[in-house]
Amino acid sequence: MRRISRIDVESLYRAILSLRDLSEAKRFFRDLLTEAEVAELGERWKAARLLSTGTPYTKIIRATGLSSTTVARVAKWVKQGAGGYRLVLQRGRTRIR
């Protein structure tokens, strides 16, 4: 895969910020990503939410179908990442299902 420019990545972030509601977000991400990619991101987000409640890895793996490596990676990013997971988790606008 060739290297993408910082300008193109920032353009993507700005496009995401321009979305007005859940319906627009669903439409944009469905066009941008494959169904499998959307599902994968959803499972990673679910893992982050479960990790924030202290749920054991084994239960998260069963609930999401993610590998133990992916759950461990998400856990690392929740704890030591750029703060994105923590920021959104602290806003409390998400529910675990």
PDB file of N, CA and C in Angstrom:
ATOM      1  N   MET A   1       0.845  -1.182   0.000  1.00  0.00           N
ATOM      2  CA  MET A   1       0.000   0.000   0.000  1.00  0.00           C
ATOM      3  C   MET A   1       0.886   1.240   0.000  1.00  0.00           C
ATOM      4  N   ARG A   2       0.578   2.161  -0.844  1.00  0.00           N
ATOM      5  CA  ARG A   2       1.392   3.366  -0.909  1.00  0.00           C
ATOM      6  C   ARG A   2       1.059   4.289   0.247  1.00  0.00           C
ATOM      7  N   ARG A   3       1.986   5.136   0.577  1.00  0.00           N
ATOM      8  CA  ARG A   3       1.827   6.054   1.708  1.00  0.00           C
ATOM      9  C   ARG A   3       0.842   7.165   1.351  1.00  0.00           C
ATOM     10  N   ILE A   4      -0.120   7.392   2.228  1.00  0.00           N
ATOM     11  CA  ILE A   4      -1.109   8.447   2.017  1.00  0.00           C
ATOM     12  C   ILE A   4      -0.598   9.753   2.627  1.00  0.00           C
ATOM     13  N   SER A   5      -0.934  10.847   2.016  1.00  0.00           N
ATOM     14  CA  SER A   5      -0.440  12.133   2.510  1.00  0.00           C
ATOM     15  C   SER A   5      -1.201  12.588   3.747  1.00  0.00           C
ATOM     16  N   ARG A   6      -0.528  13.373   4.556  1.00  0.00           N
ATOM     17  CA  ARG A   6      -1.142  13.957   5.761  1.00  0.00           C
ATOM     18  C   ARG A   6      -2.365  14.785   5.376  1.00  0.00           C
ATOM     19  N   ILE A   7      -2.281  15.488   4.254  1.00  0.00           N
ATOM     20  CA  ILE A   7      -3.399  16.323   3.788  1.00  0.00           C
ATOM     21  C   ILE A   7      -4.618  15.461   3.487  1.00  0.00           C
ATOM     22  N   ASP A   8      -4.414  14.301   2.864  1.00  0.00           N
ATOM     23  CA  ASP A   8      -5.537  13.411   2.553  1.00  0.00           C
ATOM     24  C   ASP A   8      -6.168  12.839   3.814  1.00  0.00           C
ATOM     25  N   VAL A   9      -5.337  12.502   4.793  1.00  0.00           N
ATOM     26  CA  VAL A   9      -5.864  11.972   6.060  1.00  0.00           C
ATOM     27  C   VAL A   9      -6.646  13.064   6.783  1.00  0.00           C
ATOM     28  N   GLU A  10      -6.110  14.264   6.825  1.00  0.00           N
ATOM     29  CA  GLU A  10      -6.828  15.373   7.472  1.00  0.00           C
ATOM     30  C   GLU A  10      -8.139  15.674   6.741  1.00  0.00           C
ATOM     31  N   SER A  11      -8.139  15.527   5.432  1.00  0.00           N
ATOM     32  CA  SER A  11      -9.369  15.715   4.667  1.00  0.00           C
ATOM     33  C   SER A  11     -10.427  14.690   5.087  1.00  0.00           C
ATOM     34  N   LEU A  12      -9.999  13.462   5.323  1.00  0.00           N
ATOM     35  CA  LEU A  12     -10.922  12.425   5.801  1.00  0.00           C
ATOM     36  C   LEU A  12     -11.487  12.803   7.165  1.00  0.00           C
ATOM     37  N   TYR A  13     -10.624  13.233   8.082  1.00  0.00           N
ATOM     38  CA  TYR A  13     -11.094  13.632   9.412  1.00  0.00           C
ATOM     39  C   TYR A  13     -12.100  14.775   9.306  1.00  0.00           C
ATOM     40  N   ARG A  14     -11.828  15.726   8.445  1.00  0.00           N
ATOM     41  CA  ARG A  14     -12.757  16.859   8.268  1.00  0.00           C
ATOM     42  C   ARG A  14     -14.085  16.392   7.674  1.00  0.00           C
ATOM     43  N   ALA A  15     -14.011  15.436   6.769  1.00  0.00           N
ATOM     44  CA  ALA A  15     -15.244  14.883   6.201  1.00  0.00           C
ATOM     45  C   ALA A  15     -16.079  14.233   7.305  1.00  0.00           C
ATOM     46  N   ILE A  16     -15.432  13.498   8.198  1.00  0.00           N
ATOM     47  CA  ILE A  16     -16.146  12.858   9.311  1.00  0.00           C
ATOM     48  C   ILE A  16     -16.762  13.919  10.218  1.00  0.00           C
ATOM     49  N   LEU A  17     -16.005  14.972  10.492  1.00  0.00           N
ATOM     50  CA  LEU A  17     -16.527  16.044  11.350  1.00  0.00           C
ATOM     51  C   LEU A  17     -17.702  16.785  10.722  1.00  0.00           C
ATOM     52  N   SER A  18     -17.837  16.708   9.405  1.00  0.00           N
ATOM     53  CA  SER A  18     -18.936  17.408   8.738  1.00  0.00           C
ATOM     54  C   SER A  18     -20.263  16.664   8.833  1.00  0.00           C
ATOM     55  N   LEU A  19     -20.221  15.406   9.260  1.00  0.00           N
ATOM     56  CA  LEU A  19     -21.453  14.613   9.363  1.00  0.00           C
ATOM     57  C   LEU A  19     -22.338  15.189  10.457  1.00  0.00           C
ATOM     58  N   ARG A  20     -23.625  15.291  10.166  1.00  0.00           N
ATOM     59  CA  ARG A  20     -24.554  15.973  11.079  1.00  0.00           C
ATOM     60  C   ARG A  20     -25.290  15.058  12.039  1.00  0.00           C
ATOM     61  N   ASP A  21     -25.467  13.799  11.651  1.00  0.00           N
ATOM     62  CA  ASP A  21     -26.237  12.911  12.529  1.00  0.00           C
ATOM     63  C   ASP A  21     -25.886  11.452  12.239  1.00  0.00           C
ATOM     64  N   LEU A  22     -26.509  10.557  12.996  1.00  0.00           N
ATOM     65  CA  LEU A  22     -26.234   9.136  12.870  1.00  0.00           C
ATOM     66  C   LEU A  22     -26.547   8.618  11.474  1.00  0.00           C
ATOM     67  N   SER A  23     -27.636   9.078  10.894  1.00  0.00           N
ATOM     68  CA  SER A  23     -28.012   8.645   9.557  1.00  0.00           C
ATOM     69  C   SER A  23     -26.928   8.990   8.535  1.00  0.00           C
ATOM     70  N   GLU A  24     -26.413  10.203   8.610  1.00  0.00           N
ATOM     71  CA  GLU A  24     -25.341  10.609   7.697  1.00  0.00           C
ATOM     72  C   GLU A  24     -24.078   9.792   7.947  1.00  0.00           C
ATOM     73  N   ALA A  25     -23.767   9.536   9.203  1.00  0.00           N
ATOM     74  CA  ALA A  25     -22.579   8.750   9.536  1.00  0.00           C
ATOM     75  C   ALA A  25     -22.703   7.335   8.969  1.00  0.00           C
ATOM     76  N   LYS A  26     -23.865   6.723   9.132  1.00  0.00           N
ATOM     77  CA  LYS A  26     -24.089   5.382   8.595  1.00  0.00           C
ATOM     78  C   LYS A  26     -23.899   5.363   7.087  1.00  0.00           C
ATOM     79  N   ARG A  27     -24.463   6.339   6.407  1.00  0.00           N
ATOM     80  CA  ARG A  27     -24.352   6.394   4.950  1.00  0.00           C
ATOM     81  C   ARG A  27     -22.900   6.594   4.505  1.00  0.00           C
ATOM     82  N   PHE A  28     -22.195   7.517   5.170  1.00  0.00           N
ATOM     83  CA  PHE A  28     -20.813   7.807   4.792  1.00  0.00           C
ATOM     84  C   PHE A  28     -19.915   6.596   5.015  1.00  0.00           C
ATOM     85  N   PHE A  29     -19.985   6.008   6.212  1.00  0.00           N
ATOM     86  CA  PHE A  29     -19.105   4.886   6.508  1.00  0.00           C
ATOM     87  C   PHE A  29     -19.441   3.656   5.674  1.00  0.00           C
ATOM     88  N   ARG A  30     -20.700   3.480   5.325  1.00  0.00           N
ATOM     89  CA  ARG A  30     -21.066   2.340   4.473  1.00  0.00           C
ATOM     90  C   ARG A  30     -20.496   2.519   3.070  1.00  0.00           C
ATOM     91  N   ASP A  31     -20.446   3.739   2.573  1.00  0.00           N
ATOM     92  CA  ASP A  31     -19.842   3.990   1.269  1.00  0.00           C
ATOM     93  C   ASP A  31     -18.313   3.932   1.336  1.00  0.00           C
ATOM     94  N   LEU A  32     -17.745   4.391   2.429  1.00  0.00           N
ATOM     95  CA  LEU A  32     -16.292   4.456   2.579  1.00  0.00           C
ATOM     96  C   LEU A  32     -15.674   3.077   2.805  1.00  0.00           C
ATOM     97  N   LEU A  33     -16.343   2.251   3.607  1.00  0.00           N
ATOM     98  CA  LEU A  33     -15.787   0.973   4.054  1.00  0.00           C
ATOM     99  C   LEU A  33     -16.623  -0.196   3.549  1.00  0.00           C
ATOM    100  N   THR A  34     -16.009  -1.367   3.505  1.00  0.00           N
ATOM    101  CA  THR A  34     -16.777  -2.574   3.216  1.00  0.00           C
ATOM    102  C   THR A  34     -17.600  -2.929   4.450  1.00  0.00           C
ATOM    103  N   GLU A  35     -18.591  -3.795   4.277  1.00  0.00           N
ATOM    104  CA  GLU A  35     -19.382  -4.232   5.426  1.00  0.00           C
ATOM    105  C   GLU A  35     -18.493  -4.895   6.471  1.00  0.00           C
ATOM    106  N   ALA A  36     -17.503  -5.659   6.017  1.00  0.00           N
ATOM    107  CA  ALA A  36     -16.584  -6.333   6.947  1.00  0.00           C
ATOM    108  C   ALA A  36     -15.754  -5.314   7.726  1.00  0.00           C
ATOM    109  N   GLU A  37     -15.321  -4.248   7.072  1.00  0.00           N
ATOM    110  CA  GLU A  37     -14.545  -3.213   7.760  1.00  0.00           C
ATOM    111  C   GLU A  37     -15.392  -2.473   8.785  1.00  0.00           C
ATOM    112  N   VAL A  38     -16.629  -2.173   8.442  1.00  0.00           N
ATOM    113  CA  VAL A  38     -17.537  -1.526   9.391  1.00  0.00           C
ATOM    114  C   VAL A  38     -17.740  -2.437  10.601  1.00  0.00           C
ATOM    115  N   ALA A  39     -17.962  -3.729  10.346  1.00  0.00           N
ATOM    116  CA  ALA A  39     -18.166  -4.691  11.434  1.00  0.00           C
ATOM    117  C   ALA A  39     -16.925  -4.777  12.317  1.00  0.00           C
ATOM    118  N   GLU A  40     -15.747  -4.824  11.709  1.00  0.00           N
ATOM    119  CA  GLU A  40     -14.494  -4.897  12.474  1.00  0.00           C
ATOM    120  C   GLU A  40     -14.321  -3.679  13.372  1.00  0.00           C
ATOM    121  N   LEU A  41     -14.568  -2.502  12.832  1.00  0.00           N
ATOM    122  CA  LEU A  41     -14.456  -1.283  13.643  1.00  0.00           C
ATOM    123  C   LEU A  41     -15.485  -1.297  14.776  1.00  0.00           C
ATOM    124  N   GLY A  42     -16.687  -1.766  14.481  1.00  0.00           N
ATOM    125  CA  GLY A  42     -17.718  -1.863  15.513  1.00  0.00           C
ATOM    126  C   GLY A  42     -17.315  -2.803  16.635  1.00  0.00           C
ATOM    127  N   GLU A  43     -16.694  -3.923  16.279  1.00  0.00           N
ATOM    128  CA  GLU A  43     -16.252  -4.873  17.302  1.00  0.00           C
ATOM    129  C   GLU A  43     -15.098  -4.308  18.121  1.00  0.00           C
ATOM    130  N   ARG A  44     -14.194  -3.571  17.492  1.00  0.00           N
ATOM    131  CA  ARG A  44     -13.104  -2.940  18.254  1.00  0.00           C
ATOM    132  C   ARG A  44     -13.663  -1.902  19.229  1.00  0.00           C
ATOM    133  N   TRP A  45     -14.653  -1.148  18.778  1.00  0.00           N
ATOM    134  CA  TRP A  45     -15.276  -0.145  19.644  1.00  0.00           C
ATOM    135  C   TRP A  45     -15.990  -0.830  20.809  1.00  0.00           C
ATOM    136  N   LYS A  46     -16.673  -1.944  20.510  1.00  0.00           N
ATOM    137  CA  LYS A  46     -17.333  -2.703  21.583  1.00  0.00           C
ATOM    138  C   LYS A  46     -16.292  -3.203  22.584  1.00  0.00           C
ATOM    139  N   ALA A  47     -15.163  -3.692  22.087  1.00  0.00           N
ATOM    140  CA  ALA A  47     -14.093  -4.164  22.977  1.00  0.00           C
ATOM    141  C   ALA A  47     -13.607  -3.023  23.864  1.00  0.00           C
ATOM    142  N   ALA A  48     -13.429  -1.845  23.298  1.00  0.00           N
ATOM    143  CA  ALA A  48     -12.974  -0.697  24.098  1.00  0.00           C
ATOM    144  C   ALA A  48     -13.989  -0.368  25.187  1.00  0.00           C
ATOM    145  N   ARG A  49     -15.270  -0.391  24.842  1.00  0.00           N
ATOM    146  CA  ARG A  49     -16.306  -0.102  25.839  1.00  0.00           C
ATOM    147  C   ARG A  49     -16.310  -1.151  26.943  1.00  0.00           C
ATOM    148  N   LEU A  50     -16.188  -2.427  26.556  1.00  0.00           N
ATOM    149  CA  LEU A  50     -16.157  -3.494  27.555  1.00  0.00           C
ATOM    150  C   LEU A  50     -14.908  -3.405  28.425  1.00  0.00           C
ATOM    151  N   LEU A  51     -13.780  -3.113  27.817  1.00  0.00           N
ATOM    152  CA  LEU A  51     -12.539  -2.950  28.590  1.00  0.00           C
ATOM    153  C   LEU A  51     -12.676  -1.833  29.621  1.00  0.00           C
ATOM    154  N   SER A  52     -13.370  -0.775  29.242  1.00  0.00           N
ATOM    155  CA  SER A  52     -13.520   0.363  30.161  1.00  0.00           C
ATOM    156  C   SER A  52     -14.375   0.015  31.376  1.00  0.00           C
ATOM    157  N   THR A  53     -15.132  -1.069  31.287  1.00  0.00           N
ATOM    158  CA  THR A  53     -15.939  -1.509  32.430  1.00  0.00           C
ATOM    159  C   THR A  53     -15.264  -2.628  33.213  1.00  0.00           C
ATOM    160  N   GLY A  54     -14.041  -3.003  32.803  1.00  0.00           N
ATOM    161  CA  GLY A  54     -13.310  -4.044  33.512  1.00  0.00           C
ATOM    162  C   GLY A  54     -13.662  -5.461  33.099  1.00  0.00           C
ATOM    163  N   THR A  55     -14.335  -5.610  31.985  1.00  0.00           N
ATOM    164  CA  THR A  55     -14.707  -6.941  31.503  1.00  0.00           C
ATOM    165  C   THR A  55     -13.448  -7.736  31.151  1.00  0.00           C
ATOM    166  N   PRO A  56     -13.365  -8.992  31.580  1.00  0.00           N
ATOM    167  CA  PRO A  56     -12.192  -9.821  31.263  1.00  0.00           C
ATOM    168  C   PRO A  56     -12.043 -10.067  29.756  1.00  0.00           C
ATOM    169  N   TYR A  57     -10.804 -10.223  29.333  1.00  0.00           N
ATOM    170  CA  TYR A  57     -10.509 -10.472  27.912  1.00  0.00           C
ATOM    171  C   TYR A  57     -11.317 -11.648  27.361  1.00  0.00           C
ATOM    172  N   THR A  58     -11.411 -12.730  28.126  1.00  0.00           N
ATOM    173  CA  THR A  58     -12.104 -13.927  27.630  1.00  0.00           C
ATOM    174  C   THR A  58     -13.557 -13.629  27.276  1.00  0.00           C
ATOM    175  N   LYS A  59     -14.217 -12.845  28.087  1.00  0.00           N
ATOM    176  CA  LYS A  59     -15.608 -12.475  27.797  1.00  0.00           C
ATOM    177  C   LYS A  59     -15.686 -11.555  26.582  1.00  0.00           C
ATOM    178  N   ILE A  60     -14.713 -10.661  26.447  1.00  0.00           N
ATOM    179  CA  ILE A  60     -14.695  -9.745  25.297  1.00  0.00           C
ATOM    180  C   ILE A  60     -14.480 -10.533  24.014  1.00  0.00           C
ATOM    181  N   ILE A  61     -13.584 -11.503  24.045  1.00  0.00           N
ATOM    182  CA  ILE A  61     -13.324 -12.332  22.868  1.00  0.00           C
ATOM    183  C   ILE A  61     -14.589 -13.074  22.464  1.00  0.00           C
ATOM    184  N   ARG A  62     -15.296 -13.637  23.434  1.00  0.00           N
ATOM    185  CA  ARG A  62     -16.549 -14.341  23.144  1.00  0.00           C
ATOM    186  C   ARG A  62     -17.615 -13.393  22.603  1.00  0.00           C
ATOM    187  N   ALA A  63     -17.696 -12.199  23.183  1.00  0.00           N
ATOM    188  CA  ALA A  63     -18.742 -11.241  22.795  1.00  0.00           C
ATOM    189  C   ALA A  63     -18.497 -10.602  21.437  1.00  0.00           C
ATOM    190  N   THR A  64     -17.230 -10.505  21.041  1.00  0.00           N
ATOM    191  CA  THR A  64     -16.910  -9.778  19.811  1.00  0.00           C
ATOM    192  C   THR A  64     -16.410 -10.648  18.673  1.00  0.00           C
ATOM    193  N   GLY A  65     -15.847 -11.783  18.994  1.00  0.00           N
ATOM    194  CA  GLY A  65     -15.231 -12.615  17.969  1.00  0.00           C
ATOM    195  C   GLY A  65     -13.839 -12.130  17.567  1.00  0.00           C
ATOM    196  N   LEU A  66     -13.336 -11.109  18.258  1.00  0.00           N
ATOM    197  CA  LEU A  66     -11.993 -10.610  17.979  1.00  0.00           C
ATOM    198  C   LEU A  66     -10.953 -11.579  18.524  1.00  0.00           C
ATOM    199  N   SER A  67      -9.771 -11.544  17.945  1.00  0.00           N
ATOM    200  CA  SER A  67      -8.678 -12.381  18.449  1.00  0.00           C
ATOM    201  C   SER A  67      -8.158 -11.803  19.760  1.00  0.00           C
ATOM    202  N   SER A  68      -7.478 -12.634  20.518  1.00  0.00           N
ATOM    203  CA  SER A  68      -6.889 -12.147  21.767  1.00  0.00           C
ATOM    204  C   SER A  68      -5.855 -11.058  21.485  1.00  0.00           C
ATOM    205  N   THR A  69      -5.152 -11.167  20.365  1.00  0.00           N
ATOM    206  CA  THR A  69      -4.166 -10.151  19.983  1.00  0.00           C
ATOM    207  C   THR A  69      -4.836  -8.806  19.741  1.00  0.00           C
ATOM    208  N   THR A  70      -5.969  -8.818  19.041  1.00  0.00           N
ATOM    209  CA  THR A  70      -6.680  -7.561  18.769  1.00  0.00           C
ATOM    210  C   THR A  70      -7.235  -6.962  20.053  1.00  0.00           C
ATOM    211  N   VAL A  71      -7.787  -7.789  20.926  1.00  0.00           N
ATOM    212  CA  VAL A  71      -8.299  -7.283  22.196  1.00  0.00           C
ATOM    213  C   VAL A  71      -7.156  -6.677  23.011  1.00  0.00           C
ATOM    214  N   ALA A  72      -6.001  -7.336  23.025  1.00  0.00           N
ATOM    215  CA  ALA A  72      -4.853  -6.799  23.751  1.00  0.00           C
ATOM    216  C   ALA A  72      -4.388  -5.476  23.144  1.00  0.00           C
ATOM    217  N   ARG A  73      -4.426  -5.383  21.825  1.00  0.00           N
ATOM    218  CA  ARG A  73      -4.025  -4.141  21.148  1.00  0.00           C
ATOM    219  C   ARG A  73      -4.996  -3.009  21.502  1.00  0.00           C
ATOM    220  N   VAL A  74      -6.290  -3.299  21.464  1.00  0.00           N
ATOM    221  CA  VAL A  74      -7.288  -2.284  21.836  1.00  0.00           C
ATOM    222  C   VAL A  74      -7.074  -1.868  23.289  1.00  0.00           C
ATOM    223  N   ALA A  75      -6.822  -2.831  24.162  1.00  0.00           N
ATOM    224  CA  ALA A  75      -6.575  -2.515  25.584  1.00  0.00           C
ATOM    225  C   ALA A  75      -5.375  -1.589  25.730  1.00  0.00           C
ATOM    226  N   LYS A  76      -4.330  -1.856  24.970  1.00  0.00           N
ATOM    227  CA  LYS A  76      -3.143  -0.999  25.034  1.00  0.00           C
ATOM    228  C   LYS A  76      -3.491   0.418  24.588  1.00  0.00           C
ATOM    229  N   TRP A  77      -4.265   0.537  23.511  1.00  0.00           N
ATOM    230  CA  TRP A  77      -4.625   1.862  23.007  1.00  0.00           C
ATOM    231  C   TRP A  77      -5.569   2.592  23.964  1.00  0.00           C
ATOM    232  N   VAL A  78      -6.461   1.835  24.630  1.00  0.00           N
ATOM    233  CA  VAL A  78      -7.344   2.459  25.616  1.00  0.00           C
ATOM    234  C   VAL A  78      -6.510   3.050  26.751  1.00  0.00           C
ATOM    235  N   LYS A  79      -5.492   2.315  27.172  1.00  0.00           N
ATOM    236  CA  LYS A  79      -4.670   2.750  28.307  1.00  0.00           C
ATOM    237  C   LYS A  79      -3.562   3.722  27.917  1.00  0.00           C
ATOM    238  N   GLN A  80      -2.891   3.477  26.792  1.00  0.00           N
ATOM    239  CA  GLN A  80      -1.685   4.232  26.457  1.00  0.00           C
ATOM    240  C   GLN A  80      -1.713   4.871  25.079  1.00  0.00           C
ATOM    241  N   GLY A  81      -2.843   4.890  24.445  1.00  0.00           N
ATOM    242  CA  GLY A  81      -2.916   5.433  23.092  1.00  0.00           C
ATOM    243  C   GLY A  81      -2.901   6.956  23.088  1.00  0.00           C
ATOM    244  N   ALA A  82      -3.401   7.515  22.019  1.00  0.00           N
ATOM    245  CA  ALA A  82      -3.425   8.975  21.861  1.00  0.00           C
ATOM    246  C   ALA A  82      -4.535   9.630  22.681  1.00  0.00           C
ATOM    247  N   GLY A  83      -5.343   8.825  23.345  1.00  0.00           N
ATOM    248  CA  GLY A  83      -6.414   9.365  24.184  1.00  0.00           C
ATOM    249  C   GLY A  83      -7.765   9.426  23.502  1.00  0.00           C
ATOM    250  N   GLY A  84      -7.841   8.974  22.269  1.00  0.00           N
ATOM    251  CA  GLY A  84      -9.103   9.026  21.537  1.00  0.00           C
ATOM    252  C   GLY A  84     -10.181   8.145  22.129  1.00  0.00           C
ATOM    253  N   TYR A  85      -9.822   6.901  22.440  1.00  0.00           N
ATOM    254  CA  TYR A  85     -10.800   6.015  23.072  1.00  0.00           C
ATOM    255  C   TYR A  85     -11.289   6.627  24.377  1.00  0.00           C
ATOM    256  N   ARG A  86     -10.344   7.032  25.232  1.00  0.00           N
ATOM    257  CA  ARG A  86     -10.717   7.586  26.549  1.00  0.00           C
ATOM    258  C   ARG A  86     -11.610   8.811  26.398  1.00  0.00           C
ATOM    259  N   LEU A  87     -11.285   9.670  25.455  1.00  0.00           N
ATOM    260  CA  LEU A  87     -12.062  10.882  25.239  1.00  0.00           C
ATOM    261  C   LEU A  87     -13.527  10.552  24.969  1.00  0.00           C
ATOM    262  N   VAL A  88     -13.757   9.656  24.037  1.00  0.00           N
ATOM    263  CA  VAL A  88     -15.137   9.329  23.672  1.00  0.00           C
ATOM    264  C   VAL A  88     -15.811   8.503  24.759  1.00  0.00           C
ATOM    265  N   LEU A  89     -15.078   7.599  25.386  1.00  0.00           N
ATOM    266  CA  LEU A  89     -15.657   6.817  26.478  1.00  0.00           C
ATOM    267  C   LEU A  89     -16.096   7.715  27.629  1.00  0.00           C
ATOM    268  N   GLN A  90     -15.308   8.733  27.929  1.00  0.00           N
ATOM    269  CA  GLN A  90     -15.644   9.646  29.030  1.00  0.00           C
ATOM    270  C   GLN A  90     -16.867  10.499  28.707  1.00  0.00           C
ATOM    271  N   ARG A  91     -17.143  10.688  27.465  1.00  0.00           N
ATOM    272  CA  ARG A  91     -18.322  11.477  27.093  1.00  0.00           C
ATOM    273  C   ARG A  91     -19.615  10.726  27.397  1.00  0.00           C
ATOM    274  N   GLY A  92     -19.490   9.418  27.574  1.00  0.00           N
ATOM    275  CA  GLY A  92     -20.612   8.617  28.045  1.00  0.00           C
ATOM    276  C   GLY A  92     -21.801   8.535  27.119  1.00  0.00           C
ATOM    277  N   ARG A  93     -21.593   8.717  25.859  1.00  0.00           N
ATOM    278  CA  ARG A  93     -22.717   8.684  24.906  1.00  0.00           C
ATOM    279  C   ARG A  93     -22.898   7.317  24.266  1.00  0.00           C
ATOM    280  N   THR A  94     -22.193   6.324  24.765  1.00  0.00           N
ATOM    281  CA  THR A  94     -22.270   5.013  24.148  1.00  0.00           C
ATOM    282  C   THR A  94     -22.840   4.019  25.116  1.00  0.00           C
ATOM    283  N   ARG A  95     -23.524   3.022  24.561  1.00  0.00           N
ATOM    284  CA  ARG A  95     -24.076   1.942  25.353  1.00  0.00           C
ATOM    285  C   ARG A  95     -23.444   0.634  24.908  1.00  0.00           C
ATOM    286  N   ILE A  96     -23.286  -0.273  25.840  1.00  0.00           N
ATOM    287  CA  ILE A  96     -22.769  -1.607  25.528  1.00  0.00           C
ATOM    288  C   ILE A  96     -23.952  -2.521  25.333  1.00  0.00           C
ATOM    289  N   ARG A  97     -23.944  -3.243  24.237  1.00  0.00           N
ATOM    290  CA  ARG A  97     -25.016  -4.221  23.986  1.00  0.00           C
ATOM    291  C   ARG A  97     -24.428  -5.593  23.859  1.00  0.00           C
TER     292      ARG A  97
END
